[in-house]
Amino acid sequence: MQERMGNPALVIPEAMQALNALGKLPATAGLAPGFLEIVYLRASQINGCSVCIDGHWRIARNHGETDERLFAVAGWREAPYYSDAERAALALTEAVTRLSDRADPVPDEVWDECTRHYDGKSLAALVMAIANINVWNRLNVATRQVAGKWKP
């Protein structure tokens, strides 16, 4: 595969600054950096973003995530490696990433389960994190960025 153009966030430096600033917010709300990488990995799997799939498992591992948690993320519902709070976040990740897959894109039961585990600030940060990785996925997929070209 050959990229169509450089990543738009690199072409427009102000966009990179904005996305990087947005990317720093979730950690300020107390969300675990390693688990955030698992959220990013799951959204990237759904969106087919090979660049992010290739990068986020590496970053997650640097944050101490285990191979079991990384390898099982696509089957998180059946895997024993995630807490109830993490399962709620992964369900929200899938719902927010797959907005057009159902009439009620983010069902109340998914949202309500998240509110059981996350306070207002951390839930807001989680939603922002999911939105941000979806932006990155769309930039990379649209411009056919090549996996392995960038390694964190």
Protein backbone atom coordinates (compact mmCIF):
# COMPACT_ATOMS: atom_id res chain seq x y z
CA MET A 1 0.00 0.00 0.00
CA GLN A 2 1.12 3.50 -0.72
CA GLU A 3 -0.11 6.53 1.18
CA ARG A 4 -2.23 9.00 -0.76
CA MET A 5 -0.69 11.98 1.01
CA GLY A 6 0.98 12.82 4.28
CA ASN A 7 -1.25 12.65 7.32
CA PRO A 8 -3.42 15.81 7.28
CA ALA A 9 -2.49 16.52 10.89
CA LEU A 10 1.14 16.72 9.80
CA VAL A 11 0.30 18.79 6.74
CA ILE A 12 -1.56 21.30 8.93
CA PRO A 13 0.54 21.73 12.10
CA GLU A 14 -2.28 23.53 13.95
CA ALA A 15 -4.38 20.37 13.56
CA MET A 16 -1.60 18.28 15.10
CA GLN A 17 -1.35 20.71 18.02
CA ALA A 18 -5.10 20.53 18.61
CA LEU A 19 -5.23 16.71 18.38
CA ASN A 20 -2.21 16.35 20.66
CA ALA A 21 -3.81 18.69 23.21
CA LEU A 22 -7.04 16.69 23.05
CA GLY A 23 -5.02 13.49 23.44
CA LYS A 24 -3.51 14.67 26.71
CA LEU A 25 -6.86 15.33 28.41
CA PRO A 26 -7.87 11.77 29.40
CA ALA A 27 -4.82 11.23 31.60
CA THR A 28 -5.63 14.44 33.51
CA ALA A 29 -8.96 12.88 34.51
CA GLY A 30 -7.25 9.90 36.09
CA LEU A 31 -7.85 7.36 33.32
CA ALA A 32 -5.09 4.73 33.26
CA PRO A 33 -2.76 5.36 30.31
CA GLY A 34 -2.31 1.66 29.56
CA PHE A 35 -6.01 0.99 29.48
CA LEU A 36 -6.60 4.06 27.30
CA GLU A 37 -4.29 2.44 24.78
CA ILE A 38 -6.52 -0.66 24.87
CA VAL A 39 -9.52 1.58 24.16
CA TYR A 40 -7.60 3.11 21.24
CA LEU A 41 -6.64 -0.34 20.00
CA ARG A 42 -10.24 -1.56 20.07
CA ALA A 43 -11.61 1.45 18.18
CA SER A 44 -8.78 1.12 15.67
CA GLN A 45 -9.58 -2.56 15.12
CA ILE A 46 -13.20 -1.67 14.38
CA ASN A 47 -12.17 1.11 12.00
CA GLY A 48 -9.49 -0.97 10.29
CA CYS A 49 -6.76 1.57 11.00
CA SER A 50 -3.60 -0.48 10.61
CA VAL A 51 -1.35 2.41 11.66
CA CYS A 52 -3.13 2.79 15.00
CA ILE A 53 -3.46 -0.96 15.53
CA ASP A 54 0.28 -1.26 14.96
CA GLY A 55 1.12 1.64 17.25
CA HIS A 56 -1.25 1.37 20.19
CA TRP A 57 -0.38 -2.17 21.25
CA ARG A 58 3.24 -1.02 21.45
CA ILE A 59 2.38 2.03 23.55
CA ALA A 60 0.10 -0.08 25.77
CA ARG A 61 2.90 -2.55 26.38
CA ASN A 62 5.19 0.35 27.34
CA HIS A 63 2.56 1.30 29.93
CA GLY A 64 2.70 -2.21 31.38
CA GLU A 65 -0.26 -3.84 29.64
CA THR A 66 0.06 -7.61 29.31
CA ASP A 67 0.04 -9.64 26.14
CA GLU A 68 -3.13 -11.40 27.32
CA ARG A 69 -5.04 -8.14 27.58
CA LEU A 70 -3.69 -6.89 24.25
CA PHE A 71 -4.34 -10.11 22.34
CA ALA A 72 -7.83 -10.59 23.79
CA VAL A 73 -9.16 -7.06 23.29
CA ALA A 74 -11.25 -8.00 20.23
CA GLY A 75 -12.97 -10.66 22.37
CA TRP A 76 -13.15 -8.63 25.57
CA ARG A 77 -16.68 -9.81 26.40
CA GLU A 78 -15.53 -13.39 26.84
CA ALA A 79 -11.99 -12.77 28.10
CA PRO A 80 -11.36 -12.78 31.86
CA TYR A 81 -8.71 -10.06 31.75
CA TYR A 82 -10.84 -6.91 32.14
CA SER A 83 -12.57 -5.33 35.12
CA ASP A 84 -16.24 -4.33 35.07
CA ALA A 85 -15.21 -0.68 34.62
CA GLU A 86 -12.99 -1.61 31.69
CA ARG A 87 -15.78 -3.66 30.12
CA ALA A 88 -18.10 -0.67 30.43
CA ALA A 89 -15.49 1.53 28.72
CA LEU A 90 -14.97 -1.00 25.92
CA ALA A 91 -18.73 -1.26 25.35
CA LEU A 92 -18.89 2.54 25.13
CA THR A 93 -15.89 2.54 22.77
CA GLU A 94 -17.65 0.13 20.44
CA ALA A 95 -20.94 2.03 20.57
CA VAL A 96 -19.38 5.44 19.91
CA THR A 97 -17.19 4.02 17.14
CA ARG A 98 -20.10 2.23 15.41
CA LEU A 99 -22.63 5.06 15.43
CA SER A 100 -24.50 3.94 12.31
CA ASP A 101 -24.87 0.27 13.27
CA ARG A 102 -28.14 0.69 15.21
CA ALA A 103 -31.05 3.04 15.66
CA ASP A 104 -29.95 3.96 19.19
CA PRO A 105 -26.17 4.29 18.68
CA VAL A 106 -25.25 4.59 22.36
CA PRO A 107 -27.96 2.72 24.26
CA ASP A 108 -28.89 3.79 27.77
CA GLU A 109 -27.67 0.49 29.22
CA VAL A 110 -24.18 1.10 27.82
CA TRP A 111 -24.14 4.69 29.06
CA ASP A 112 -25.63 3.83 32.44
CA GLU A 113 -23.06 1.11 33.03
CA CYS A 114 -20.31 3.65 32.42
CA THR A 115 -21.86 6.06 34.92
CA ARG A 116 -21.63 3.29 37.54
CA HIS A 117 -17.84 3.22 37.14
CA TYR A 118 -16.81 6.71 36.05
CA ASP A 119 -17.56 10.12 37.51
CA GLY A 120 -18.52 13.06 35.32
CA LYS A 121 -14.98 14.21 34.58
CA SER A 122 -13.56 10.76 33.86
CA LEU A 123 -16.55 9.82 31.71
CA ALA A 124 -16.19 13.06 29.75
CA ALA A 125 -12.50 12.30 29.29
CA LEU A 126 -13.31 8.77 28.11
CA VAL A 127 -15.79 10.10 25.52
CA MET A 128 -13.17 12.61 24.36
CA ALA A 129 -10.55 9.85 24.11
CA ILE A 130 -12.87 7.70 22.00
CA ALA A 131 -13.72 10.64 19.75
CA ASN A 132 -10.04 11.51 19.36
CA ILE A 133 -8.95 8.01 18.31
CA ASN A 134 -11.81 7.93 15.82
CA VAL A 135 -10.49 11.17 14.30
CA TRP A 136 -7.00 9.66 14.01
CA ASN A 137 -8.41 6.47 12.49
CA ARG A 138 -10.31 8.42 9.87
CA LEU A 139 -7.32 10.58 8.97
CA ASN A 140 -5.09 7.53 8.62
CA VAL A 141 -7.55 5.35 6.71
CA ALA A 142 -8.69 8.11 4.32
CA THR A 143 -5.11 8.93 3.35
CA ARG A 144 -3.91 5.29 3.44
CA GLN A 145 -1.17 5.81 5.98
CA VAL A 146 1.18 2.81 6.07
CA ALA A 147 1.49 0.67 9.20
CA GLY A 148 5.02 0.20 10.45
CA LYS A 149 6.26 3.45 8.97
CA TRP A 150 5.89 5.12 12.37
CA LYS A 151 6.75 3.35 15.59
CA PRO A 152 6.30 4.98 18.98
